[in-house]
Amino acid sequence: MSSIRQDAWTNDEDVLLAEVILRHIREGSTQLAAFEEVGERLSRTSAACGFRWNSLVRKQYESAISLAKKQRKEAKNNKEEKKTNEMKNAQERPKNVSVYRSLTIDSIIEFLRALQNSDEEREGLKNEINTLKTDNQKLQRELKKMENNYQSIQEDYKSLIEIMDRARKMVVLKDDDSSNLQFQMDYNGNLEKVKK
């Protein structure tokens, strides 16, 4: 006789877990908040809900997750577009006095805050651009310096190889001559034969 675990997940619990997480994704909330909500409703820990979601349930809802993310993005874009349109409308001059009456202190304050935030954001972006330009110029100077160093090292290496080739050719002398010879390097780095 097989025993059934007391804490096993049911299909209904899996569906509830998926629905709550998808709702949180659509609303721009975190999965952690969804795990906590489901944990409270099912009397389970948020860690258990997270494990169940990541280990099994998520794979069954991949297309629903993609759709929820798309809906979240569309909702965010619509919200930003609405806010932009409200700011544009607030910037336009009203044509008649009745429009003035529809403006409230709160909407004016919100507009001014948004305007201030956009100015601060613009300044921040300008500073970031200037910093990036400075960093770019510094990196270009360092690259040029490294290229010059590399060229110098290549030339030194080539000279060293030439000296070694000349030394090898000179060593190929007769054995009896080699006992009477010594080599000396001049100031240019050339090897010269010197008799003992």
N, C-alpha and C. Protein backbone atom coordinates (compact mmCIF):
# COMPACT_ATOMS: atom_id res chain seq x y z
N MET A 1 0.84 -1.18 0.00
CA MET A 1 0.00 0.00 0.00
C MET A 1 0.89 1.24 0.00
N SER A 2 0.73 2.10 -1.00
CA SER A 2 1.57 3.29 -1.08
C SER A 2 0.94 4.42 -0.29
N SER A 3 1.78 5.18 0.37
CA SER A 3 1.27 6.30 1.15
C SER A 3 1.41 7.59 0.35
N ILE A 4 0.47 8.50 0.52
CA ILE A 4 0.48 9.79 -0.17
C ILE A 4 0.98 10.83 0.81
N ARG A 5 1.88 11.66 0.34
CA ARG A 5 2.43 12.70 1.22
C ARG A 5 1.34 13.68 1.61
N GLN A 6 1.41 14.12 2.85
CA GLN A 6 0.41 15.06 3.35
C GLN A 6 0.60 16.45 2.74
N ASP A 7 1.85 16.79 2.41
CA ASP A 7 2.13 18.13 1.90
C ASP A 7 2.29 18.17 0.39
N ALA A 8 1.81 17.16 -0.32
CA ALA A 8 1.95 17.12 -1.78
C ALA A 8 1.11 18.22 -2.42
N TRP A 9 1.58 18.73 -3.54
CA TRP A 9 0.88 19.80 -4.26
C TRP A 9 -0.23 19.19 -5.11
N THR A 10 -1.37 19.87 -5.12
CA THR A 10 -2.48 19.43 -5.97
C THR A 10 -2.48 20.25 -7.24
N ASN A 11 -3.26 19.80 -8.22
CA ASN A 11 -3.37 20.56 -9.47
C ASN A 11 -3.95 21.95 -9.22
N ASP A 12 -4.95 22.02 -8.33
CA ASP A 12 -5.56 23.31 -8.02
C ASP A 12 -4.54 24.28 -7.43
N GLU A 13 -3.67 23.77 -6.58
CA GLU A 13 -2.64 24.62 -5.99
C GLU A 13 -1.63 25.07 -7.05
N ASP A 14 -1.29 24.18 -7.97
CA ASP A 14 -0.39 24.57 -9.06
C ASP A 14 -1.02 25.66 -9.92
N VAL A 15 -2.31 25.51 -10.21
CA VAL A 15 -3.02 26.51 -11.03
C VAL A 15 -3.07 27.84 -10.30
N LEU A 16 -3.37 27.81 -9.00
CA LEU A 16 -3.39 29.04 -8.21
C LEU A 16 -2.02 29.71 -8.22
N LEU A 17 -0.98 28.92 -8.03
CA LEU A 17 0.39 29.44 -8.05
C LEU A 17 0.67 30.13 -9.39
N ALA A 18 0.32 29.47 -10.48
CA ALA A 18 0.58 30.04 -11.81
C ALA A 18 -0.23 31.31 -12.02
N GLU A 19 -1.51 31.31 -11.64
CA GLU A 19 -2.36 32.49 -11.85
C GLU A 19 -1.83 33.70 -11.09
N VAL A 20 -1.45 33.49 -9.85
CA VAL A 20 -0.96 34.61 -9.03
C VAL A 20 0.36 35.15 -9.59
N ILE A 21 1.26 34.26 -9.98
CA ILE A 21 2.54 34.71 -10.52
C ILE A 21 2.34 35.45 -11.84
N LEU A 22 1.48 34.94 -12.71
CA LEU A 22 1.21 35.62 -13.98
C LEU A 22 0.60 36.99 -13.74
N ARG A 23 -0.29 37.10 -12.74
CA ARG A 23 -0.88 38.41 -12.42
C ARG A 23 0.21 39.37 -11.95
N HIS A 24 1.10 38.89 -11.11
CA HIS A 24 2.19 39.74 -10.62
C HIS A 24 3.10 40.17 -11.77
N ILE A 25 3.37 39.27 -12.70
CA ILE A 25 4.20 39.62 -13.86
C ILE A 25 3.52 40.71 -14.67
N ARG A 26 2.20 40.54 -14.92
CA ARG A 26 1.46 41.54 -15.71
C ARG A 26 1.46 42.90 -15.03
N GLU A 27 1.36 42.89 -13.70
CA GLU A 27 1.27 44.15 -12.95
C GLU A 27 2.64 44.76 -12.67
N GLY A 28 3.71 44.07 -13.07
CA GLY A 28 5.05 44.61 -12.88
C GLY A 28 5.61 44.35 -11.49
N SER A 29 4.99 43.45 -10.76
CA SER A 29 5.47 43.10 -9.42
C SER A 29 6.53 42.00 -9.54
N THR A 30 7.10 41.63 -8.41
CA THR A 30 8.16 40.61 -8.42
C THR A 30 7.58 39.23 -8.17
N GLN A 31 8.33 38.23 -8.59
CA GLN A 31 7.91 36.85 -8.33
C GLN A 31 7.96 36.56 -6.83
N LEU A 32 8.89 37.18 -6.13
CA LEU A 32 9.00 36.97 -4.69
C LEU A 32 7.70 37.38 -3.99
N ALA A 33 7.13 38.52 -4.41
CA ALA A 33 5.86 38.97 -3.83
C ALA A 33 4.76 37.96 -4.13
N ALA A 34 4.79 37.41 -5.34
CA ALA A 34 3.80 36.39 -5.72
C ALA A 34 3.96 35.14 -4.86
N PHE A 35 5.21 34.72 -4.64
CA PHE A 35 5.44 33.53 -3.82
C PHE A 35 4.91 33.75 -2.40
N GLU A 36 5.12 34.95 -1.87
CA GLU A 36 4.64 35.25 -0.52
C GLU A 36 3.12 35.22 -0.46
N GLU A 37 2.47 35.80 -1.49
CA GLU A 37 1.00 35.81 -1.52
C GLU A 37 0.45 34.38 -1.58
N VAL A 38 1.01 33.57 -2.47
CA VAL A 38 0.55 32.18 -2.60
C VAL A 38 0.84 31.42 -1.31
N GLY A 39 2.00 31.66 -0.72
CA GLY A 39 2.35 30.98 0.53
C GLY A 39 1.34 31.25 1.63
N GLU A 40 0.88 32.51 1.73
CA GLU A 40 -0.12 32.85 2.74
C GLU A 40 -1.44 32.14 2.45
N ARG A 41 -1.83 32.11 1.18
CA ARG A 41 -3.12 31.51 0.82
C ARG A 41 -3.12 29.99 0.97
N LEU A 42 -1.96 29.36 0.77
CA LEU A 42 -1.90 27.89 0.82
C LEU A 42 -1.24 27.37 2.10
N SER A 43 -0.90 28.27 3.00
CA SER A 43 -0.21 27.90 4.24
C SER A 43 1.09 27.15 3.94
N ARG A 44 1.87 27.72 3.03
CA ARG A 44 3.19 27.17 2.69
C ARG A 44 4.20 28.32 2.76
N THR A 45 5.47 27.97 2.80
CA THR A 45 6.49 29.01 2.81
C THR A 45 6.66 29.57 1.40
N SER A 46 7.14 30.81 1.33
CA SER A 46 7.39 31.40 0.01
C SER A 46 8.50 30.63 -0.70
N ALA A 47 9.44 30.08 0.06
CA ALA A 47 10.52 29.28 -0.55
C ALA A 47 9.95 28.02 -1.20
N ALA A 48 8.98 27.38 -0.54
CA ALA A 48 8.36 26.18 -1.12
C ALA A 48 7.63 26.54 -2.40
N CYS A 49 6.94 27.68 -2.39
CA CYS A 49 6.23 28.12 -3.60
C CYS A 49 7.23 28.42 -4.72
N GLY A 50 8.32 29.08 -4.37
CA GLY A 50 9.34 29.39 -5.37
C GLY A 50 9.96 28.13 -5.95
N PHE A 51 10.23 27.16 -5.09
CA PHE A 51 10.81 25.91 -5.57
C PHE A 51 9.84 25.19 -6.50
N ARG A 52 8.57 25.13 -6.09
CA ARG A 52 7.56 24.44 -6.92
C ARG A 52 7.45 25.14 -8.28
N TRP A 53 7.43 26.46 -8.27
CA TRP A 53 7.30 27.22 -9.52
C TRP A 53 8.50 26.96 -10.43
N ASN A 54 9.69 27.11 -9.91
CA ASN A 54 10.89 26.99 -10.74
C ASN A 54 11.19 25.56 -11.16
N SER A 55 10.81 24.59 -10.34
CA SER A 55 11.17 23.21 -10.66
C SER A 55 10.16 22.54 -11.58
N LEU A 56 8.88 22.94 -11.54
CA LEU A 56 7.89 22.19 -12.30
C LEU A 56 6.89 23.08 -13.05
N VAL A 57 6.23 23.95 -12.34
CA VAL A 57 5.08 24.66 -12.91
C VAL A 57 5.49 25.62 -14.00
N ARG A 58 6.59 26.32 -13.85
CA ARG A 58 7.02 27.33 -14.82
C ARG A 58 7.12 26.75 -16.23
N LYS A 59 7.63 25.54 -16.36
CA LYS A 59 7.81 24.92 -17.67
C LYS A 59 6.48 24.74 -18.39
N GLN A 60 5.41 24.56 -17.65
CA GLN A 60 4.10 24.35 -18.25
C GLN A 60 3.46 25.66 -18.70
N TYR A 61 3.99 26.79 -18.25
CA TYR A 61 3.35 28.08 -18.52
C TYR A 61 4.27 29.05 -19.27
N GLU A 62 5.22 28.54 -20.04
CA GLU A 62 6.18 29.41 -20.75
C GLU A 62 5.47 30.42 -21.65
N SER A 63 4.49 29.95 -22.44
CA SER A 63 3.80 30.86 -23.36
C SER A 63 2.98 31.89 -22.59
N ALA A 64 2.37 31.48 -21.48
CA ALA A 64 1.60 32.41 -20.66
C ALA A 64 2.52 33.45 -20.03
N ILE A 65 3.72 33.05 -19.65
CA ILE A 65 4.69 34.00 -19.09
C ILE A 65 5.07 35.03 -20.13
N SER A 66 5.35 34.57 -21.35
CA SER A 66 5.70 35.50 -22.43
C SER A 66 4.57 36.48 -22.68
N LEU A 67 3.33 35.99 -22.70
CA LEU A 67 2.18 36.85 -22.92
C LEU A 67 2.04 37.86 -21.78
N ALA A 68 2.23 37.42 -20.54
CA ALA A 68 2.12 38.32 -19.39
C ALA A 68 3.18 39.42 -19.45
N LYS A 69 4.40 39.05 -19.85
CA LYS A 69 5.47 40.05 -19.98
C LYS A 69 5.13 41.05 -21.07
N LYS A 70 4.55 40.55 -22.18
CA LYS A 70 4.17 41.44 -23.28
C LYS A 70 3.07 42.40 -22.82
N GLN A 71 2.09 41.88 -22.08
CA GLN A 71 1.02 42.73 -21.57
C GLN A 71 1.56 43.78 -20.61
N ARG A 72 2.52 43.38 -19.77
CA ARG A 72 3.13 44.34 -18.83
C ARG A 72 3.82 45.46 -19.59
N LYS A 73 4.55 45.07 -20.65
CA LYS A 73 5.27 46.07 -21.45
C LYS A 73 4.30 47.01 -22.13
N GLU A 74 3.21 46.47 -22.69
CA GLU A 74 2.21 47.31 -23.35
C GLU A 74 1.55 48.25 -22.35
N ALA A 75 1.23 47.74 -21.17
CA ALA A 75 0.61 48.57 -20.15
C ALA A 75 1.56 49.69 -19.72
N LYS A 76 2.83 49.35 -19.59
CA LYS A 76 3.83 50.36 -19.21
C LYS A 76 3.95 51.43 -20.30
N ASN A 77 4.00 50.98 -21.56
CA ASN A 77 4.09 51.93 -22.67
C ASN A 77 2.85 52.82 -22.73
N ASN A 78 1.67 52.23 -22.52
CA ASN A 78 0.44 53.01 -22.53
C ASN A 78 0.44 54.03 -21.41
N LYS A 79 0.91 53.62 -20.23
CA LYS A 79 0.96 54.52 -19.09
C LYS A 79 1.92 55.69 -19.37
N GLU A 80 3.11 55.36 -19.93
CA GLU A 80 4.07 56.41 -20.25
C GLU A 80 3.53 57.34 -21.34
N GLU A 81 2.85 56.76 -22.33
CA GLU A 81 2.29 57.57 -23.41
C GLU A 81 1.20 58.49 -22.86
N LYS A 82 0.37 57.95 -21.97
CA LYS A 82 -0.68 58.76 -21.36
C LYS A 82 -0.08 59.91 -20.56
N LYS A 83 0.98 59.60 -19.80
CA LYS A 83 1.63 60.63 -19.00
C LYS A 83 2.25 61.70 -19.89
N THR A 84 2.89 61.25 -21.01
CA THR A 84 3.49 62.20 -21.95
C THR A 84 2.42 63.09 -22.56
N ASN A 85 1.30 62.48 -22.95
CA ASN A 85 0.21 63.27 -23.53
C ASN A 85 -0.34 64.26 -22.52
N GLU A 86 -0.46 63.84 -21.27
CA GLU A 86 -0.93 64.75 -20.23
C GLU A 86 0.03 65.92 -20.06
N MET A 87 1.33 65.64 -20.12
CA MET A 87 2.31 66.72 -19.98
C MET A 87 2.25 67.65 -21.18
N LYS A 88 2.09 67.09 -22.39
CA LYS A 88 1.97 67.94 -23.58
C LYS A 88 0.74 68.81 -23.49
N ASN A 89 -0.37 68.21 -23.06
CA ASN A 89 -1.61 68.98 -22.93
C ASN A 89 -1.47 70.06 -21.88
N ALA A 90 -0.75 69.76 -20.81
CA ALA A 90 -0.56 70.75 -19.76
C ALA A 90 0.33 71.89 -20.24
N GLN A 91 1.23 71.60 -21.18
CA GLN A 91 2.12 72.63 -21.68
C GLN A 91 1.42 73.56 -22.67
N GLU A 92 0.42 73.02 -23.37
CA GLU A 92 -0.29 73.85 -24.34
C GLU A 92 -1.11 74.90 -23.60
N ARG A 93 -1.23 76.06 -24.23
CA ARG A 93 -1.99 77.14 -23.60
C ARG A 93 -3.48 76.90 -23.82
N PRO A 94 -4.24 77.02 -22.80
CA PRO A 94 -5.69 76.83 -22.94
C PRO A 94 -6.29 77.93 -23.81
N LYS A 95 -7.30 77.56 -24.58
CA LYS A 95 -7.93 78.52 -25.48
C LYS A 95 -9.05 79.28 -24.80
N ASN A 96 -9.61 78.69 -23.78
CA ASN A 96 -10.67 79.43 -23.09
C ASN A 96 -10.55 79.24 -21.58
N VAL A 97 -11.29 80.01 -20.87
CA VAL A 97 -11.19 80.07 -19.42
C VAL A 97 -11.67 78.78 -18.76
N SER A 98 -12.59 78.06 -19.37
CA SER A 98 -13.13 76.84 -18.74
C SER A 98 -12.04 75.78 -18.56
N VAL A 99 -11.03 75.79 -19.43
CA VAL A 99 -9.94 74.84 -19.29
C VAL A 99 -9.12 75.17 -18.05
N TYR A 100 -8.97 76.45 -17.76
CA TYR A 100 -8.24 76.85 -16.56
C TYR A 100 -8.89 76.27 -15.31
N ARG A 101 -10.19 76.21 -15.28
CA ARG A 101 -10.90 75.72 -14.10
C ARG A 101 -10.64 74.23 -13.88
N SER A 102 -10.38 73.49 -15.00
CA SER A 102 -10.18 72.04 -14.85
C SER A 102 -8.79 71.71 -14.28
N LEU A 103 -7.88 72.68 -14.33
CA LEU A 103 -6.56 72.45 -13.74
C LEU A 103 -6.67 72.49 -12.23
N THR A 104 -6.02 71.52 -11.61
CA THR A 104 -6.01 71.50 -10.15
C THR A 104 -4.58 71.75 -9.67
N ILE A 105 -4.47 72.08 -8.43
CA ILE A 105 -3.15 72.30 -7.84
C ILE A 105 -2.33 71.02 -7.94
N ASP A 106 -2.98 69.88 -7.70
CA ASP A 106 -2.26 68.60 -7.75
C ASP A 106 -1.69 68.33 -9.14
N SER A 107 -2.49 68.61 -10.17
CA SER A 107 -1.99 68.35 -11.53
C SER A 107 -0.85 69.29 -11.88
N ILE A 108 -0.92 70.53 -11.40
CA ILE A 108 0.16 71.48 -11.65
C ILE A 108 1.43 71.03 -10.93
N ILE A 109 1.29 70.61 -9.68
CA ILE A 109 2.44 70.14 -8.91
C ILE A 109 3.05 68.92 -9.57
N GLU A 110 2.20 68.00 -10.02
CA GLU A 110 2.69 66.79 -10.69
C GLU A 110 3.45 67.15 -11.97
N PHE A 111 2.90 68.11 -12.73
CA PHE A 111 3.56 68.54 -13.95
C PHE A 111 4.92 69.16 -13.65
N LEU A 112 4.98 70.02 -12.64
CA LEU A 112 6.25 70.68 -12.29
C LEU A 112 7.28 69.67 -11.80
N ARG A 113 6.84 68.68 -11.05
CA ARG A 113 7.77 67.64 -10.59
C ARG A 113 8.31 66.85 -11.78
N ALA A 114 7.41 66.51 -12.71
CA ALA A 114 7.84 65.76 -13.90
C ALA A 114 8.82 66.58 -14.71
N LEU A 115 8.56 67.88 -14.82
CA LEU A 115 9.45 68.78 -15.55
C LEU A 115 10.81 68.86 -14.87
N GLN A 116 10.79 68.97 -13.55
CA GLN A 116 12.05 69.02 -12.79
C GLN A 116 12.81 67.71 -12.93
N ASN A 117 12.10 66.59 -12.85
CA ASN A 117 12.76 65.28 -13.00
C ASN A 117 13.38 65.13 -14.38
N SER A 118 12.67 65.61 -15.42
CA SER A 118 13.23 65.47 -16.77
C SER A 118 14.47 66.36 -16.92
N ASP A 119 14.46 67.55 -16.30
CA ASP A 119 15.65 68.40 -16.36
C ASP A 119 16.83 67.74 -15.63
N GLU A 120 16.55 67.17 -14.46
CA GLU A 120 17.61 66.49 -13.71
C GLU A 120 18.13 65.29 -14.47
N GLU A 121 17.21 64.56 -15.10
CA GLU A 121 17.61 63.39 -15.88
C GLU A 121 18.47 63.81 -17.06
N ARG A 122 18.09 64.90 -17.72
CA ARG A 122 18.86 65.40 -18.86
C ARG A 122 20.26 65.81 -18.41
N GLU A 123 20.36 66.49 -17.27
CA GLU A 123 21.67 66.89 -16.75
C GLU A 123 22.52 65.66 -16.42
N GLY A 124 21.88 64.67 -15.81
CA GLY A 124 22.59 63.44 -15.48
C GLY A 124 23.12 62.76 -16.73
N LEU A 125 22.30 62.73 -17.78
CA LEU A 125 22.73 62.11 -19.04
C LEU A 125 23.87 62.90 -19.68
N LYS A 126 23.81 64.23 -19.60
CA LYS A 126 24.90 65.05 -20.15
C LYS A 126 26.21 64.75 -19.41
N ASN A 127 26.12 64.67 -18.08
CA ASN A 127 27.32 64.36 -17.29
C ASN A 127 27.87 62.98 -17.64
N GLU A 128 26.96 62.03 -17.82
CA GLU A 128 27.40 60.67 -18.18
C GLU A 128 28.07 60.66 -19.55
N ILE A 129 27.51 61.42 -20.50
CA ILE A 129 28.10 61.50 -21.84
C ILE A 129 29.51 62.09 -21.76
N ASN A 130 29.66 63.17 -20.99
CA ASN A 130 30.98 63.80 -20.85
C ASN A 130 31.98 62.84 -20.21
N THR A 131 31.54 62.11 -19.19
CA THR A 131 32.42 61.13 -18.55
C THR A 131 32.84 60.05 -19.53
N LEU A 132 31.88 59.56 -20.31
CA LEU A 132 32.19 58.52 -21.30
C LEU A 132 33.14 59.03 -22.38
N LYS A 133 32.96 60.30 -22.79
CA LYS A 133 33.87 60.88 -23.79
C LYS A 133 35.29 60.95 -23.23
N THR A 134 35.41 61.41 -21.98
CA THR A 134 36.72 61.50 -21.35
C THR A 134 37.38 60.13 -21.24
N ASP A 135 36.59 59.14 -20.79
CA ASP A 135 37.11 57.77 -20.69
C ASP A 135 37.55 57.25 -22.05
N ASN A 136 36.76 57.53 -23.07
CA ASN A 136 37.08 57.07 -24.43
C ASN A 136 38.40 57.68 -24.90
N GLN A 137 38.58 58.99 -24.68
CA GLN A 137 39.83 59.64 -25.09
C GLN A 137 41.03 59.05 -24.34
N LYS A 138 40.84 58.80 -23.05
CA LYS A 138 41.92 58.21 -22.24
C LYS A 138 42.29 56.83 -22.78
N LEU A 139 41.28 56.02 -23.08
CA LEU A 139 41.53 54.67 -23.60
C LEU A 139 42.20 54.72 -24.97
N GLN A 140 41.83 55.70 -25.80
CA GLN A 140 42.47 55.83 -27.11
C GLN A 140 43.95 56.19 -26.96
N ARG A 141 44.26 57.09 -26.00
CA ARG A 141 45.66 57.43 -25.76
C ARG A 141 46.45 56.22 -25.28
N GLU A 142 45.86 55.45 -24.37
CA GLU A 142 46.53 54.25 -23.87
C GLU A 142 46.75 53.24 -24.99
N LEU A 143 45.77 53.09 -25.86
CA LEU A 143 45.90 52.16 -26.98
C LEU A 143 47.04 52.59 -27.89
N LYS A 144 47.13 53.89 -28.19
CA LYS A 144 48.19 54.40 -29.06
C LYS A 144 49.56 54.12 -28.43
N LYS A 145 49.65 54.37 -27.11
CA LYS A 145 50.91 54.13 -26.40
C LYS A 145 51.29 52.65 -26.46
N MET A 146 50.30 51.77 -26.25
CA MET A 146 50.58 50.33 -26.31
C MET A 146 50.98 49.89 -27.71
N GLU A 147 50.36 50.48 -28.73
CA GLU A 147 50.73 50.14 -30.10
C GLU A 147 52.18 50.54 -30.37
N ASN A 148 52.58 51.73 -29.89
CA ASN A 148 53.96 52.18 -30.06
C ASN A 148 54.93 51.25 -29.32
N ASN A 149 54.57 50.87 -28.08
CA ASN A 149 55.42 49.94 -27.32
C ASN A 149 55.53 48.61 -28.03
N TYR A 150 54.44 48.13 -28.57
CA TYR A 150 54.44 46.86 -29.28
C TYR A 150 55.36 46.92 -30.50
N GLN A 151 55.29 48.04 -31.23
CA GLN A 151 56.14 48.21 -32.41
C GLN A 151 57.62 48.20 -32.00
N SER A 152 57.93 48.90 -30.91
CA SER A 152 59.31 48.96 -30.43
C SER A 152 59.80 47.56 -30.02
N ILE A 153 58.94 46.81 -29.33
CA ILE A 153 59.31 45.45 -28.92
C ILE A 153 59.54 44.57 -30.14
N GLN A 154 58.70 44.72 -31.15
CA GLN A 154 58.87 43.93 -32.38
C GLN A 154 60.21 44.24 -33.05
N GLU A 155 60.58 45.52 -33.09
CA GLU A 155 61.85 45.90 -33.70
C GLU A 155 63.03 45.33 -32.91
N ASP A 156 62.95 45.42 -31.57
CA ASP A 156 64.01 44.86 -30.73
C ASP A 156 64.12 43.35 -30.93
N TYR A 157 63.00 42.68 -31.02
CA TYR A 157 62.99 41.24 -31.22
C TYR A 157 63.62 40.88 -32.56
N LYS A 158 63.30 41.64 -33.58
CA LYS A 158 63.86 41.39 -34.91
C LYS A 158 65.38 41.57 -34.88
N SER A 159 65.85 42.63 -34.21
CA SER A 159 67.30 42.86 -34.10
C SER A 159 67.98 41.71 -33.36
N LEU A 160 67.37 41.24 -32.28
CA LEU A 160 67.92 40.14 -31.51
C LEU A 160 68.03 38.87 -32.36
N ILE A 161 67.01 38.59 -33.15
CA ILE A 161 67.04 37.41 -34.02
C ILE A 161 68.17 37.53 -35.05
N GLU A 162 68.35 38.73 -35.61
CA GLU A 162 69.42 38.94 -36.59
C GLU A 162 70.79 38.71 -35.95
N ILE A 163 70.97 39.20 -34.72
CA ILE A 163 72.24 39.02 -34.01
C ILE A 163 72.49 37.53 -33.77
N MET A 164 71.46 36.82 -33.36
CA MET A 164 71.62 35.38 -33.10
C MET A 164 71.94 34.62 -34.38
N ASP A 165 71.33 35.02 -35.49
CA ASP A 165 71.62 34.36 -36.78
C ASP A 165 73.08 34.59 -37.17
N ARG A 166 73.56 35.84 -37.00
CA ARG A 166 74.95 36.14 -37.33
C ARG A 166 75.90 35.33 -36.45
N ALA A 167 75.57 35.21 -35.17
CA ALA A 167 76.42 34.46 -34.24
C ALA A 167 76.46 32.99 -34.64
N ARG A 168 75.31 32.43 -35.04
CA ARG A 168 75.27 31.04 -35.47
C ARG A 168 76.14 30.81 -36.70
N LYS A 169 76.08 31.74 -37.64
CA LYS A 169 76.88 31.61 -38.86
C LYS A 169 78.37 31.68 -38.55
N MET A 170 78.73 32.50 -37.59
CA MET A 170 80.15 32.65 -37.25
C MET A 170 80.67 31.42 -36.51
N VAL A 171 79.81 30.73 -35.78
CA VAL A 171 80.22 29.56 -35.02
C VAL A 171 80.54 28.39 -35.94
N VAL A 172 80.03 28.41 -37.13
CA VAL A 172 80.21 27.30 -38.06
C VAL A 172 81.61 27.35 -38.68
N LEU A 173 82.58 27.89 -38.02
CA LEU A 173 83.96 27.92 -38.52
C LEU A 173 84.64 26.60 -38.23
N LYS A 174 85.79 26.43 -38.77
CA LYS A 174 86.55 25.20 -38.52
C LYS A 174 86.89 25.09 -37.04
N ASP A 175 87.03 23.84 -36.57
CA ASP A 175 87.29 23.59 -35.15
C ASP A 175 88.61 24.21 -34.70
N ASP A 176 89.64 24.11 -35.49
CA ASP A 176 90.93 24.64 -35.05
C ASP A 176 90.92 26.16 -35.02
N ASP A 177 90.14 26.78 -35.91
CA ASP A 177 90.03 28.24 -35.87
C ASP A 177 89.23 28.69 -34.65
N SER A 178 88.26 27.89 -34.26
CA SER A 178 87.38 28.31 -33.17
C SER A 178 88.12 28.37 -31.84
N SER A 179 89.17 27.57 -31.68
CA SER A 179 89.90 27.61 -30.42
C SER A 179 90.71 28.89 -30.29
N ASN A 180 91.03 29.53 -31.39
CA ASN A 180 91.82 30.76 -31.35
C ASN A 180 90.94 32.01 -31.41
N LEU A 181 89.63 31.84 -31.49
CA LEU A 181 88.75 33.00 -31.66
C LEU A 181 87.95 33.31 -30.40
N GLN A 182 87.71 34.59 -30.25
CA GLN A 182 86.77 35.06 -29.25
C GLN A 182 85.89 36.10 -29.94
N PHE A 183 84.70 36.28 -29.39
CA PHE A 183 83.79 37.27 -29.96
C PHE A 183 83.60 38.41 -28.98
N GLN A 184 83.42 39.59 -29.57
CA GLN A 184 83.19 40.77 -28.75
C GLN A 184 82.07 41.56 -29.41
N MET A 185 81.17 42.13 -28.61
CA MET A 185 80.05 42.87 -29.17
C MET A 185 80.39 44.35 -29.17
N ASP A 186 80.21 45.02 -30.32
CA ASP A 186 80.48 46.45 -30.38
C ASP A 186 79.26 47.23 -29.89
N TYR A 187 79.34 48.55 -29.89
CA TYR A 187 78.27 49.37 -29.32
C TYR A 187 76.98 49.30 -30.13
N ASN A 188 77.03 48.84 -31.37
CA ASN A 188 75.82 48.69 -32.19
C ASN A 188 75.15 47.35 -31.99
N GLY A 189 75.77 46.46 -31.21
CA GLY A 189 75.19 45.15 -30.99
C GLY A 189 75.69 44.12 -31.97
N ASN A 190 76.72 44.45 -32.76
CA ASN A 190 77.27 43.50 -33.72
C ASN A 190 78.39 42.70 -33.06
N LEU A 191 78.48 41.42 -33.41
CA LEU A 191 79.55 40.57 -32.89
C LEU A 191 80.76 40.66 -33.82
N GLU A 192 81.93 40.80 -33.22
CA GLU A 192 83.17 40.86 -33.99
C GLU A 192 84.11 39.76 -33.51
N LYS A 193 84.88 39.22 -34.44
CA LYS A 193 85.86 38.20 -34.07
C LYS A 193 87.10 38.89 -33.50
N VAL A 194 87.59 38.33 -32.42
CA VAL A 194 88.81 38.86 -31.80
C VAL A 194 89.73 37.66 -31.58
N LYS A 195 90.96 37.73 -32.06
CA LYS A 195 91.90 36.62 -31.87
C LYS A 195 92.46 36.71 -30.47
N LYS A 196 92.78 35.53 -29.91
CA LYS A 196 93.34 35.47 -28.55
C LYS A 196 94.76 35.98 -28.54
